[in-house]
Amino acid sequence: MYRLLVVDDEEIITDTLHEVLTQFMPEKLDVCKAYSSKEALVWMDRTRIDIVLTDIRMPGMSGLELSEKIRTLWPRCKVIFLTGYSEFDYAYQAIQMSGMRYVLKTEGYDKVVSSVEETLQEIEQGRRVEELIVQSTEQLLALELMAQEKYLRHLLQDSRMFGKDAGMLEGDFGLLNIGLDPHAPVTLILGRPEHPEEASYTESNRKLSTAV
């Protein structure tokens, strides 16, 4: 569930947008509302907000000033500006520089809904990319651990390599990201962990990993 915050000092606009967007995607979008930037910041201090739909000109703190705070404090939050023709020149440069979206108030609610939908797709795409990066990182780590294990097994089985060429070992350790100093003495401790006879292989490995 994503959370969207509507911010506008004109209550009729805020309330209408809240109603329209609440009906738009109720199973996916939780819509909140605020009648000032100050009230919006209170919302954002107490809960996660994924999208802020804000009027660009408001008394006190403007939508642009609000967006600067959002960009600093909640960089993952997306901002969509509501603007009128008279405010467009004032807002255009800032919006272009920050990569934020804008909707002209005269474009109607359908345009607002489509902009929110596009922003949700952008958020979901970003999350999928992050998940792929995490998976790739985990796979690379697993491959690195396998390579380290294979190398260390080889090193232990061929004891003639010990102390023969520290420079070669240093190079190998660096390539395989093994955090040992080949110039320092090493104490090797061998043991055999004991597990209940009824324990499965995966359960035994899980307990051993937890203990380490």
N, C-alpha and C. Protein backbone atom coordinates (compact mmCIF):
# COMPACT_ATOMS: atom_id res chain seq x y z
N MET A 1 0.85 -1.20 0.00
CA MET A 1 0.00 0.00 0.00
C MET A 1 0.88 1.24 0.00
N TYR A 2 0.62 2.13 -0.96
CA TYR A 2 1.35 3.40 -1.04
C TYR A 2 0.51 4.50 -0.38
N ARG A 3 1.19 5.54 0.07
CA ARG A 3 0.49 6.64 0.75
C ARG A 3 0.74 7.94 0.01
N LEU A 4 -0.35 8.65 -0.32
CA LEU A 4 -0.29 9.92 -1.03
C LEU A 4 -0.86 11.02 -0.14
N LEU A 5 -0.19 12.18 -0.14
CA LEU A 5 -0.64 13.32 0.64
C LEU A 5 -1.01 14.47 -0.29
N VAL A 6 -2.26 14.93 -0.21
CA VAL A 6 -2.72 16.09 -0.98
C VAL A 6 -2.54 17.33 -0.11
N VAL A 7 -1.90 18.38 -0.68
CA VAL A 7 -1.64 19.60 0.09
C VAL A 7 -2.12 20.80 -0.73
N ASP A 8 -3.07 21.56 -0.17
CA ASP A 8 -3.56 22.77 -0.82
C ASP A 8 -4.27 23.61 0.24
N ASP A 9 -4.05 24.92 0.20
CA ASP A 9 -4.68 25.78 1.20
C ASP A 9 -6.15 26.05 0.88
N GLU A 10 -6.60 25.70 -0.34
CA GLU A 10 -8.01 25.82 -0.69
C GLU A 10 -8.70 24.50 -0.34
N GLU A 11 -9.51 24.53 0.69
CA GLU A 11 -10.09 23.31 1.23
C GLU A 11 -10.93 22.55 0.21
N ILE A 12 -11.66 23.28 -0.64
CA ILE A 12 -12.52 22.60 -1.60
C ILE A 12 -11.70 21.79 -2.60
N ILE A 13 -10.55 22.32 -3.00
CA ILE A 13 -9.67 21.59 -3.91
C ILE A 13 -9.08 20.37 -3.21
N THR A 14 -8.58 20.57 -1.99
CA THR A 14 -7.99 19.47 -1.24
C THR A 14 -9.00 18.35 -1.01
N ASP A 15 -10.18 18.72 -0.56
CA ASP A 15 -11.20 17.72 -0.24
C ASP A 15 -11.65 16.97 -1.50
N THR A 16 -11.80 17.70 -2.62
CA THR A 16 -12.23 17.06 -3.86
C THR A 16 -11.16 16.11 -4.39
N LEU A 17 -9.90 16.56 -4.38
CA LEU A 17 -8.81 15.69 -4.83
C LEU A 17 -8.70 14.46 -3.93
N HIS A 18 -8.87 14.65 -2.65
CA HIS A 18 -8.82 13.53 -1.70
C HIS A 18 -9.89 12.50 -2.06
N GLU A 19 -11.10 12.97 -2.35
CA GLU A 19 -12.20 12.07 -2.69
C GLU A 19 -11.94 11.35 -4.01
N VAL A 20 -11.48 12.09 -5.03
CA VAL A 20 -11.23 11.51 -6.35
C VAL A 20 -10.14 10.45 -6.27
N LEU A 21 -9.03 10.77 -5.60
CA LEU A 21 -7.90 9.85 -5.54
C LEU A 21 -8.18 8.66 -4.62
N THR A 22 -9.02 8.85 -3.61
CA THR A 22 -9.39 7.73 -2.74
C THR A 22 -10.15 6.67 -3.53
N GLN A 23 -10.99 7.12 -4.48
CA GLN A 23 -11.75 6.20 -5.30
C GLN A 23 -10.92 5.61 -6.44
N PHE A 24 -9.80 6.24 -6.74
CA PHE A 24 -8.99 5.85 -7.91
C PHE A 24 -8.39 4.46 -7.75
N MET A 25 -7.74 4.18 -6.62
CA MET A 25 -7.06 2.91 -6.43
C MET A 25 -7.07 2.53 -4.95
N PRO A 26 -8.26 2.26 -4.39
CA PRO A 26 -8.38 2.07 -2.94
C PRO A 26 -7.55 0.90 -2.40
N GLU A 27 -7.32 -0.13 -3.22
CA GLU A 27 -6.56 -1.29 -2.74
C GLU A 27 -5.06 -1.05 -2.76
N LYS A 28 -4.64 0.07 -3.37
CA LYS A 28 -3.21 0.31 -3.53
C LYS A 28 -2.76 1.66 -3.00
N LEU A 29 -3.70 2.59 -2.81
CA LEU A 29 -3.35 3.97 -2.49
C LEU A 29 -4.12 4.44 -1.27
N ASP A 30 -3.38 4.81 -0.21
CA ASP A 30 -3.95 5.42 0.99
C ASP A 30 -3.77 6.93 0.86
N VAL A 31 -4.87 7.68 0.79
CA VAL A 31 -4.81 9.12 0.51
C VAL A 31 -5.04 9.92 1.80
N CYS A 32 -4.12 10.84 2.10
CA CYS A 32 -4.24 11.75 3.24
C CYS A 32 -4.32 13.18 2.70
N LYS A 33 -4.65 14.14 3.58
CA LYS A 33 -4.77 15.52 3.11
C LYS A 33 -4.28 16.49 4.17
N ALA A 34 -3.78 17.64 3.69
CA ALA A 34 -3.31 18.71 4.57
C ALA A 34 -3.65 20.03 3.90
N TYR A 35 -3.94 21.06 4.73
CA TYR A 35 -4.35 22.35 4.20
C TYR A 35 -3.24 23.39 4.25
N SER A 36 -2.01 22.95 4.53
CA SER A 36 -0.86 23.85 4.53
C SER A 36 0.41 23.01 4.49
N SER A 37 1.51 23.65 4.12
CA SER A 37 2.80 22.95 4.12
C SER A 37 3.19 22.52 5.53
N LYS A 38 2.87 23.37 6.50
CA LYS A 38 3.18 23.05 7.90
C LYS A 38 2.46 21.78 8.34
N GLU A 39 1.19 21.69 7.99
CA GLU A 39 0.42 20.49 8.33
C GLU A 39 0.95 19.27 7.58
N ALA A 40 1.42 19.49 6.34
CA ALA A 40 1.99 18.40 5.55
C ALA A 40 3.24 17.84 6.22
N LEU A 41 4.08 18.72 6.75
CA LEU A 41 5.31 18.28 7.42
C LEU A 41 4.99 17.49 8.68
N VAL A 42 3.90 17.86 9.36
CA VAL A 42 3.48 17.09 10.54
C VAL A 42 3.10 15.67 10.12
N TRP A 43 2.36 15.55 9.03
CA TRP A 43 2.02 14.23 8.48
C TRP A 43 3.29 13.43 8.18
N MET A 44 4.25 14.06 7.53
CA MET A 44 5.43 13.36 7.07
C MET A 44 6.37 13.00 8.22
N ASP A 45 6.23 13.69 9.34
CA ASP A 45 7.04 13.35 10.51
C ASP A 45 6.51 12.11 11.23
N ARG A 46 5.23 11.81 11.03
CA ARG A 46 4.65 10.71 11.80
C ARG A 46 4.35 9.46 10.96
N THR A 47 4.46 9.57 9.65
CA THR A 47 4.21 8.40 8.82
C THR A 47 4.94 8.51 7.49
N ARG A 48 5.15 7.38 6.83
CA ARG A 48 5.81 7.39 5.53
C ARG A 48 4.84 7.90 4.46
N ILE A 49 5.31 8.84 3.65
CA ILE A 49 4.53 9.35 2.52
C ILE A 49 5.33 9.07 1.25
N ASP A 50 4.68 8.43 0.28
CA ASP A 50 5.36 8.07 -0.96
C ASP A 50 5.23 9.15 -2.03
N ILE A 51 4.07 9.82 -2.06
CA ILE A 51 3.82 10.85 -3.07
C ILE A 51 3.17 12.05 -2.39
N VAL A 52 3.65 13.25 -2.72
CA VAL A 52 3.01 14.48 -2.27
C VAL A 52 2.48 15.22 -3.49
N LEU A 53 1.18 15.50 -3.50
CA LEU A 53 0.54 16.29 -4.55
C LEU A 53 0.24 17.64 -3.93
N THR A 54 0.99 18.67 -4.33
CA THR A 54 0.90 19.95 -3.63
C THR A 54 0.69 21.14 -4.57
N ASP A 55 -0.11 22.09 -4.08
CA ASP A 55 -0.23 23.37 -4.77
C ASP A 55 1.14 24.06 -4.72
N ILE A 56 1.50 24.75 -5.78
CA ILE A 56 2.83 25.35 -5.81
C ILE A 56 2.89 26.68 -5.07
N ARG A 57 1.76 27.39 -5.00
CA ARG A 57 1.72 28.67 -4.28
C ARG A 57 0.73 28.55 -3.12
N MET A 58 1.26 28.70 -1.91
CA MET A 58 0.42 28.69 -0.71
C MET A 58 0.95 29.73 0.26
N PRO A 59 0.10 30.29 1.10
CA PRO A 59 0.59 31.25 2.09
C PRO A 59 1.53 30.57 3.09
N GLY A 60 2.45 31.35 3.63
CA GLY A 60 3.43 30.76 4.53
C GLY A 60 4.51 30.07 3.72
N MET A 61 4.59 28.76 3.82
CA MET A 61 5.56 27.98 3.07
C MET A 61 4.96 27.53 1.75
N SER A 62 5.60 27.90 0.63
CA SER A 62 5.08 27.52 -0.69
C SER A 62 5.33 26.04 -0.97
N GLY A 63 4.68 25.59 -2.05
CA GLY A 63 4.92 24.20 -2.46
C GLY A 63 6.36 23.95 -2.86
N LEU A 64 7.00 24.96 -3.46
CA LEU A 64 8.42 24.81 -3.82
C LEU A 64 9.29 24.67 -2.58
N GLU A 65 9.02 25.47 -1.56
CA GLU A 65 9.79 25.37 -0.31
C GLU A 65 9.53 24.03 0.37
N LEU A 66 8.30 23.57 0.32
CA LEU A 66 7.97 22.26 0.86
C LEU A 66 8.73 21.16 0.13
N SER A 67 8.81 21.28 -1.20
CA SER A 67 9.50 20.26 -1.99
C SER A 67 10.98 20.20 -1.65
N GLU A 68 11.58 21.35 -1.32
CA GLU A 68 12.99 21.37 -0.94
C GLU A 68 13.20 20.59 0.36
N LYS A 69 12.30 20.77 1.31
CA LYS A 69 12.40 20.02 2.57
C LYS A 69 12.21 18.53 2.32
N ILE A 70 11.26 18.21 1.47
CA ILE A 70 11.01 16.81 1.15
C ILE A 70 12.24 16.18 0.50
N ARG A 71 12.83 16.89 -0.44
CA ARG A 71 14.00 16.36 -1.15
C ARG A 71 15.17 16.13 -0.19
N THR A 72 15.28 16.98 0.84
CA THR A 72 16.37 16.84 1.81
C THR A 72 16.11 15.75 2.83
N LEU A 73 14.88 15.73 3.38
CA LEU A 73 14.56 14.84 4.49
C LEU A 73 13.99 13.49 4.04
N TRP A 74 13.25 13.48 2.93
CA TRP A 74 12.63 12.24 2.45
C TRP A 74 12.92 12.10 0.95
N PRO A 75 14.15 11.81 0.58
CA PRO A 75 14.54 11.80 -0.84
C PRO A 75 13.79 10.79 -1.70
N ARG A 76 13.21 9.76 -1.09
CA ARG A 76 12.47 8.77 -1.87
C ARG A 76 11.05 9.23 -2.21
N CYS A 77 10.57 10.25 -1.51
CA CYS A 77 9.22 10.75 -1.73
C CYS A 77 9.14 11.49 -3.07
N LYS A 78 8.10 11.20 -3.85
CA LYS A 78 7.89 11.87 -5.13
C LYS A 78 6.95 13.06 -4.95
N VAL A 79 7.19 14.12 -5.72
CA VAL A 79 6.38 15.33 -5.61
C VAL A 79 5.74 15.65 -6.96
N ILE A 80 4.43 15.93 -6.93
CA ILE A 80 3.71 16.41 -8.11
C ILE A 80 3.15 17.79 -7.77
N PHE A 81 3.45 18.78 -8.60
CA PHE A 81 2.97 20.15 -8.35
C PHE A 81 1.65 20.40 -9.07
N LEU A 82 0.75 21.08 -8.37
CA LEU A 82 -0.45 21.64 -8.99
C LEU A 82 -0.19 23.12 -9.24
N THR A 83 -0.36 23.57 -10.45
CA THR A 83 -0.04 24.96 -10.77
C THR A 83 -1.03 25.54 -11.76
N GLY A 84 -1.21 26.84 -11.70
CA GLY A 84 -2.07 27.54 -12.65
C GLY A 84 -1.24 28.21 -13.73
N TYR A 85 -1.88 28.70 -14.77
CA TYR A 85 -1.14 29.34 -15.86
C TYR A 85 -0.33 30.53 -15.35
N SER A 86 -0.90 31.29 -14.42
CA SER A 86 -0.21 32.48 -13.93
C SER A 86 1.04 32.13 -13.13
N GLU A 87 1.13 30.88 -12.65
CA GLU A 87 2.26 30.46 -11.83
C GLU A 87 3.27 29.65 -12.63
N PHE A 88 2.93 29.33 -13.89
CA PHE A 88 3.73 28.38 -14.64
C PHE A 88 5.16 28.87 -14.85
N ASP A 89 5.32 30.11 -15.29
CA ASP A 89 6.67 30.64 -15.52
C ASP A 89 7.49 30.64 -14.23
N TYR A 90 6.82 30.96 -13.12
CA TYR A 90 7.49 30.99 -11.82
C TYR A 90 8.00 29.60 -11.44
N ALA A 91 7.23 28.57 -11.78
CA ALA A 91 7.56 27.22 -11.33
C ALA A 91 8.39 26.41 -12.32
N TYR A 92 8.34 26.76 -13.60
CA TYR A 92 8.87 25.88 -14.64
C TYR A 92 10.33 25.52 -14.43
N GLN A 93 11.17 26.50 -14.20
CA GLN A 93 12.60 26.25 -14.08
C GLN A 93 12.91 25.33 -12.90
N ALA A 94 12.29 25.62 -11.75
CA ALA A 94 12.54 24.80 -10.56
C ALA A 94 12.06 23.36 -10.78
N ILE A 95 10.91 23.21 -11.43
CA ILE A 95 10.38 21.87 -11.67
C ILE A 95 11.30 21.10 -12.61
N GLN A 96 11.78 21.75 -13.66
CA GLN A 96 12.65 21.08 -14.62
C GLN A 96 13.97 20.67 -13.97
N MET A 97 14.53 21.53 -13.13
CA MET A 97 15.81 21.24 -12.50
C MET A 97 15.71 20.07 -11.53
N SER A 98 14.60 19.96 -10.83
CA SER A 98 14.48 18.91 -9.82
C SER A 98 13.89 17.62 -10.37
N GLY A 99 13.42 17.65 -11.62
CA GLY A 99 12.86 16.45 -12.22
C GLY A 99 11.49 16.08 -11.68
N MET A 100 10.78 17.03 -11.10
CA MET A 100 9.47 16.75 -10.51
C MET A 100 8.36 16.95 -11.56
N ARG A 101 7.24 16.35 -11.30
CA ARG A 101 6.11 16.45 -12.23
C ARG A 101 5.23 17.66 -11.87
N TYR A 102 4.46 18.10 -12.83
CA TYR A 102 3.51 19.17 -12.56
C TYR A 102 2.23 18.91 -13.35
N VAL A 103 1.13 19.43 -12.82
CA VAL A 103 -0.17 19.33 -13.48
C VAL A 103 -0.80 20.71 -13.43
N LEU A 104 -1.24 21.20 -14.58
CA LEU A 104 -1.99 22.46 -14.61
C LEU A 104 -3.39 22.22 -14.06
N LYS A 105 -3.85 23.10 -13.20
CA LYS A 105 -5.16 22.93 -12.59
C LYS A 105 -6.28 22.88 -13.63
N THR A 106 -6.06 23.52 -14.77
CA THR A 106 -7.09 23.54 -15.81
C THR A 106 -7.17 22.21 -16.57
N GLU A 107 -6.20 21.31 -16.35
CA GLU A 107 -6.21 20.04 -17.08
C GLU A 107 -7.19 19.04 -16.50
N GLY A 108 -7.70 19.31 -15.31
CA GLY A 108 -8.76 18.47 -14.76
C GLY A 108 -8.25 17.27 -13.97
N TYR A 109 -9.22 16.56 -13.37
CA TYR A 109 -8.88 15.47 -12.46
C TYR A 109 -8.30 14.25 -13.18
N ASP A 110 -8.72 14.04 -14.44
CA ASP A 110 -8.17 12.90 -15.18
C ASP A 110 -6.66 13.01 -15.32
N LYS A 111 -6.16 14.23 -15.56
CA LYS A 111 -4.73 14.45 -15.70
C LYS A 111 -4.02 14.21 -14.35
N VAL A 112 -4.67 14.64 -13.27
CA VAL A 112 -4.10 14.41 -11.94
C VAL A 112 -3.98 12.90 -11.69
N VAL A 113 -5.05 12.18 -11.97
CA VAL A 113 -5.05 10.73 -11.74
C VAL A 113 -3.97 10.04 -12.58
N SER A 114 -3.85 10.42 -13.86
CA SER A 114 -2.85 9.78 -14.72
C SER A 114 -1.43 10.11 -14.24
N SER A 115 -1.21 11.32 -13.73
CA SER A 115 0.11 11.68 -13.21
C SER A 115 0.45 10.87 -11.97
N VAL A 116 -0.54 10.67 -11.11
CA VAL A 116 -0.33 9.83 -9.92
C VAL A 116 -0.04 8.40 -10.33
N GLU A 117 -0.77 7.90 -11.31
CA GLU A 117 -0.56 6.54 -11.77
C GLU A 117 0.85 6.37 -12.35
N GLU A 118 1.29 7.33 -13.14
CA GLU A 118 2.64 7.27 -13.71
C GLU A 118 3.70 7.31 -12.60
N THR A 119 3.45 8.11 -11.58
CA THR A 119 4.40 8.20 -10.46
C THR A 119 4.46 6.89 -9.70
N LEU A 120 3.31 6.25 -9.50
CA LEU A 120 3.29 4.94 -8.84
C LEU A 120 4.09 3.91 -9.64
N GLN A 121 3.93 3.94 -10.96
CA GLN A 121 4.69 3.03 -11.81
C GLN A 121 6.19 3.28 -11.69
N GLU A 122 6.55 4.56 -11.60
CA GLU A 122 7.95 4.93 -11.44
C GLU A 122 8.51 4.39 -10.11
N ILE A 123 7.72 4.52 -9.04
CA ILE A 123 8.15 4.02 -7.73
C ILE A 123 8.32 2.50 -7.77
N GLU A 124 7.36 1.81 -8.37
CA GLU A 124 7.42 0.35 -8.44
C GLU A 124 8.60 -0.11 -9.27
N GLN A 125 8.86 0.59 -10.38
CA GLN A 125 10.01 0.24 -11.20
C GLN A 125 11.31 0.43 -10.42
N GLY A 126 11.40 1.52 -9.67
CA GLY A 126 12.59 1.76 -8.86
C GLY A 126 12.79 0.68 -7.82
N ARG A 127 11.72 0.21 -7.22
CA ARG A 127 11.83 -0.85 -6.22
C ARG A 127 12.26 -2.17 -6.84
N ARG A 128 11.75 -2.43 -8.05
CA ARG A 128 12.17 -3.67 -8.73
C ARG A 128 13.66 -3.62 -9.05
N VAL A 129 14.15 -2.45 -9.47
CA VAL A 129 15.58 -2.30 -9.75
C VAL A 129 16.39 -2.52 -8.48
N GLU A 130 15.93 -1.95 -7.37
CA GLU A 130 16.63 -2.13 -6.09
C GLU A 130 16.67 -3.60 -5.69
N GLU A 131 15.55 -4.32 -5.90
CA GLU A 131 15.50 -5.74 -5.56
C GLU A 131 16.49 -6.53 -6.42
N LEU A 132 16.59 -6.18 -7.71
CA LEU A 132 17.54 -6.86 -8.58
C LEU A 132 18.98 -6.60 -8.15
N ILE A 133 19.25 -5.36 -7.72
CA ILE A 133 20.60 -5.02 -7.25
C ILE A 133 20.94 -5.84 -6.01
N VAL A 134 19.97 -5.94 -5.08
CA VAL A 134 20.21 -6.72 -3.86
C VAL A 134 20.45 -8.19 -4.20
N GLN A 135 19.63 -8.75 -5.10
CA GLN A 135 19.80 -10.14 -5.50
C GLN A 135 21.16 -10.36 -6.16
N SER A 136 21.55 -9.43 -7.03
CA SER A 136 22.85 -9.55 -7.70
C SER A 136 24.00 -9.47 -6.70
N THR A 137 23.87 -8.57 -5.72
CA THR A 137 24.90 -8.43 -4.70
C THR A 137 25.02 -9.71 -3.89
N GLU A 138 23.87 -10.30 -3.52
CA GLU A 138 23.89 -11.54 -2.76
C GLU A 138 24.51 -12.68 -3.56
N GLN A 139 24.20 -12.73 -4.85
CA GLN A 139 24.77 -13.78 -5.71
C GLN A 139 26.28 -13.61 -5.85
N LEU A 140 26.73 -12.37 -6.01
CA LEU A 140 28.17 -12.13 -6.11
C LEU A 140 28.89 -12.50 -4.81
N LEU A 141 28.25 -12.20 -3.67
CA LEU A 141 28.83 -12.55 -2.38
C LEU A 141 28.93 -14.07 -2.23
N ALA A 142 27.87 -14.78 -2.65
CA ALA A 142 27.89 -16.24 -2.57
C ALA A 142 29.00 -16.82 -3.44
N LEU A 143 29.16 -16.28 -4.65
CA LEU A 143 30.23 -16.75 -5.54
C LEU A 143 31.60 -16.45 -4.95
N GLU A 144 31.74 -15.28 -4.32
CA GLU A 144 33.00 -14.92 -3.69
C GLU A 144 33.34 -15.86 -2.55
N LEU A 145 32.34 -16.19 -1.73
CA LEU A 145 32.56 -17.12 -0.62
C LEU A 145 32.94 -18.50 -1.12
N MET A 146 32.31 -18.94 -2.21
CA MET A 146 32.66 -20.24 -2.80
C MET A 146 34.10 -20.24 -3.29
N ALA A 147 34.50 -19.13 -3.95
CA ALA A 147 35.87 -19.03 -4.46
C ALA A 147 36.87 -19.00 -3.31
N GLN A 148 36.54 -18.28 -2.23
CA GLN A 148 37.43 -18.24 -1.07
C GLN A 148 37.58 -19.62 -0.44
N GLU A 149 36.44 -20.32 -0.30
CA GLU A 149 36.48 -21.65 0.30
C GLU A 149 37.32 -22.61 -0.54
N LYS A 150 37.11 -22.56 -1.86
CA LYS A 150 37.87 -23.45 -2.75
C LYS A 150 39.36 -23.15 -2.66
N TYR A 151 39.72 -21.87 -2.62
CA TYR A 151 41.13 -21.48 -2.55
C TYR A 151 41.76 -21.92 -1.23
N LEU A 152 41.06 -21.68 -0.13
CA LEU A 152 41.60 -22.03 1.18
C LEU A 152 41.73 -23.54 1.35
N ARG A 153 40.79 -24.29 0.78
CA ARG A 153 40.91 -25.76 0.81
C ARG A 153 42.17 -26.19 0.07
N HIS A 154 42.38 -25.59 -1.09
CA HIS A 154 43.57 -25.90 -1.87
C HIS A 154 44.85 -25.54 -1.09
N LEU A 155 44.79 -24.39 -0.43
CA LEU A 155 45.95 -23.93 0.33
C LEU A 155 46.26 -24.88 1.49
N LEU A 156 45.22 -25.36 2.17
CA LEU A 156 45.43 -26.26 3.29
C LEU A 156 45.88 -27.65 2.84
N GLN A 157 45.38 -28.09 1.71
CA GLN A 157 45.76 -29.42 1.21
C GLN A 157 47.18 -29.45 0.66
N ASP A 158 47.66 -28.30 0.16
CA ASP A 158 49.02 -28.23 -0.39
C ASP A 158 49.88 -27.40 0.56
N SER A 159 50.34 -28.02 1.65
CA SER A 159 51.07 -27.30 2.69
C SER A 159 52.41 -26.76 2.21
N ARG A 160 52.86 -27.20 1.05
CA ARG A 160 54.15 -26.70 0.53
C ARG A 160 54.09 -25.21 0.21
N MET A 161 52.87 -24.67 0.06
CA MET A 161 52.74 -23.26 -0.27
C MET A 161 52.95 -22.35 0.93
N PHE A 162 52.80 -22.89 2.14
CA PHE A 162 52.92 -22.06 3.34
C PHE A 162 54.31 -21.47 3.46
N GLY A 163 54.37 -20.17 3.59
CA GLY A 163 55.62 -19.47 3.83
C GLY A 163 56.55 -19.41 2.65
N LYS A 164 56.16 -19.95 1.52
CA LYS A 164 57.06 -19.98 0.37
C LYS A 164 57.09 -18.66 -0.37
N ASP A 165 55.92 -18.09 -0.60
CA ASP A 165 55.86 -16.86 -1.38
C ASP A 165 54.74 -15.98 -0.83
N ALA A 166 55.08 -15.16 0.16
CA ALA A 166 54.08 -14.30 0.79
C ALA A 166 53.52 -13.28 -0.19
N GLY A 167 54.36 -12.87 -1.14
CA GLY A 167 53.90 -11.91 -2.14
C GLY A 167 52.80 -12.48 -3.01
N MET A 168 52.96 -13.75 -3.40
CA MET A 168 51.93 -14.41 -4.21
C MET A 168 50.64 -14.56 -3.42
N LEU A 169 50.79 -14.97 -2.13
CA LEU A 169 49.62 -15.10 -1.29
C LEU A 169 48.90 -13.77 -1.11
N GLU A 170 49.67 -12.72 -0.96
CA GLU A 170 49.09 -11.39 -0.78
C GLU A 170 48.27 -11.00 -2.01
N GLY A 171 48.80 -11.31 -3.18
CA GLY A 171 48.07 -11.03 -4.41
C GLY A 171 46.79 -11.83 -4.52
N ASP A 172 46.90 -13.13 -4.16
CA ASP A 172 45.71 -14.00 -4.20
C ASP A 172 44.66 -13.53 -3.20
N PHE A 173 45.11 -13.21 -1.98
CA PHE A 173 44.18 -12.75 -0.95
C PHE A 173 43.47 -11.48 -1.40
N GLY A 174 44.20 -10.59 -2.04
CA GLY A 174 43.60 -9.35 -2.51
C GLY A 174 42.55 -9.59 -3.57
N LEU A 175 42.86 -10.46 -4.53
CA LEU A 175 41.92 -10.76 -5.61
C LEU A 175 40.65 -11.44 -5.09
N LEU A 176 40.82 -12.29 -4.10
CA LEU A 176 39.69 -13.05 -3.57
C LEU A 176 39.04 -12.38 -2.36
N ASN A 177 39.56 -11.20 -2.01
CA ASN A 177 39.01 -10.44 -0.88
C ASN A 177 39.04 -11.24 0.42
N ILE A 178 40.13 -11.91 0.65
CA ILE A 178 40.34 -12.67 1.88
C ILE A 178 41.03 -11.76 2.89
N GLY A 179 40.40 -11.54 4.02
CA GLY A 179 40.90 -10.57 5.00
C GLY A 179 41.98 -11.13 5.91
N LEU A 180 42.99 -11.73 5.34
CA LEU A 180 44.11 -12.25 6.12
C LEU A 180 45.41 -11.60 5.65
N ASP A 181 46.36 -11.49 6.57
CA ASP A 181 47.68 -10.95 6.25
C ASP A 181 48.65 -12.12 6.09
N PRO A 182 49.14 -12.39 4.86
CA PRO A 182 50.03 -13.53 4.66
C PRO A 182 51.37 -13.39 5.38
N HIS A 183 51.69 -12.19 5.85
CA HIS A 183 52.95 -11.98 6.57
C HIS A 183 52.79 -12.22 8.07
N ALA A 184 51.53 -12.39 8.53
CA ALA A 184 51.29 -12.58 9.95
C ALA A 184 51.06 -14.06 10.25
N PRO A 185 51.41 -14.51 11.47
CA PRO A 185 51.18 -15.91 11.83
C PRO A 185 49.69 -16.21 11.94
N VAL A 186 49.31 -17.43 11.64
CA VAL A 186 47.92 -17.85 11.67
C VAL A 186 47.79 -19.09 12.55
N THR A 187 46.83 -19.08 13.43
CA THR A 187 46.53 -20.25 14.24
C THR A 187 45.28 -20.92 13.69
N LEU A 188 45.40 -22.16 13.32
CA LEU A 188 44.31 -22.90 12.70
C LEU A 188 43.68 -23.82 13.73
N ILE A 189 42.40 -23.69 13.95
CA ILE A 189 41.67 -24.52 14.89
C ILE A 189 40.66 -25.37 14.13
N LEU A 190 40.74 -26.66 14.29
CA LEU A 190 39.83 -27.57 13.62
C LEU A 190 38.90 -28.21 14.64
N GLY A 191 37.68 -28.44 14.25
CA GLY A 191 36.73 -29.08 15.14
C GLY A 191 35.59 -29.68 14.36
N ARG A 192 34.80 -30.49 15.03
CA ARG A 192 33.64 -31.09 14.38
C ARG A 192 32.39 -30.76 15.19
N PRO A 193 31.49 -29.94 14.64
CA PRO A 193 30.26 -29.61 15.38
C PRO A 193 29.36 -30.84 15.50
N GLU A 194 28.72 -31.00 16.63
CA GLU A 194 27.82 -32.12 16.86
C GLU A 194 26.37 -31.63 16.81
N HIS A 195 25.55 -32.41 16.16
CA HIS A 195 24.13 -32.09 16.02
C HIS A 195 23.30 -33.32 16.39
N PRO A 196 22.08 -33.11 16.81
CA PRO A 196 21.21 -34.26 17.08
C PRO A 196 21.07 -35.13 15.85
N GLU A 197 20.98 -36.43 16.06
CA GLU A 197 20.92 -37.35 14.93
C GLU A 197 19.70 -37.10 14.04
N GLU A 198 18.60 -36.61 14.67
CA GLU A 198 17.38 -36.41 13.87
C GLU A 198 17.41 -35.10 13.10
N ALA A 199 18.43 -34.23 13.33
CA ALA A 199 18.48 -32.94 12.65
C ALA A 199 18.80 -33.12 11.17
N SER A 200 18.12 -32.37 10.33
CA SER A 200 18.38 -32.44 8.89
C SER A 200 19.66 -31.66 8.55
N TYR A 201 20.12 -31.84 7.32
CA TYR A 201 21.34 -31.15 6.88
C TYR A 201 21.15 -29.63 6.90
N THR A 202 20.01 -29.17 6.37
CA THR A 202 19.78 -27.72 6.31
C THR A 202 19.62 -27.13 7.70
N GLU A 203 18.96 -27.86 8.61
CA GLU A 203 18.79 -27.36 9.97
C GLU A 203 20.14 -27.28 10.69
N SER A 204 21.00 -28.27 10.47
CA SER A 204 22.33 -28.24 11.08
C SER A 204 23.13 -27.07 10.58
N ASN A 205 23.08 -26.81 9.28
CA ASN A 205 23.81 -25.67 8.70
C ASN A 205 23.27 -24.34 9.22
N ARG A 206 21.95 -24.26 9.37
CA ARG A 206 21.36 -23.02 9.87
C ARG A 206 21.82 -22.74 11.29
N LYS A 207 21.85 -23.75 12.15
CA LYS A 207 22.29 -23.59 13.53
C LYS A 207 23.76 -23.22 13.60
N LEU A 208 24.55 -23.82 12.71
CA LEU A 208 25.98 -23.51 12.69
C LEU A 208 26.21 -22.07 12.27
N SER A 209 25.45 -21.59 11.25
CA SER A 209 25.60 -20.21 10.79
C SER A 209 25.19 -19.23 11.88
N THR A 210 24.13 -19.58 12.63
CA THR A 210 23.66 -18.71 13.71
C THR A 210 24.70 -18.62 14.82
N ALA A 211 25.33 -19.74 15.12
CA ALA A 211 26.34 -19.76 16.16
C ALA A 211 27.56 -18.94 15.79
N VAL A 212 27.94 -18.98 14.52
CA VAL A 212 29.08 -18.20 14.05
C VAL A 212 28.75 -16.73 14.07
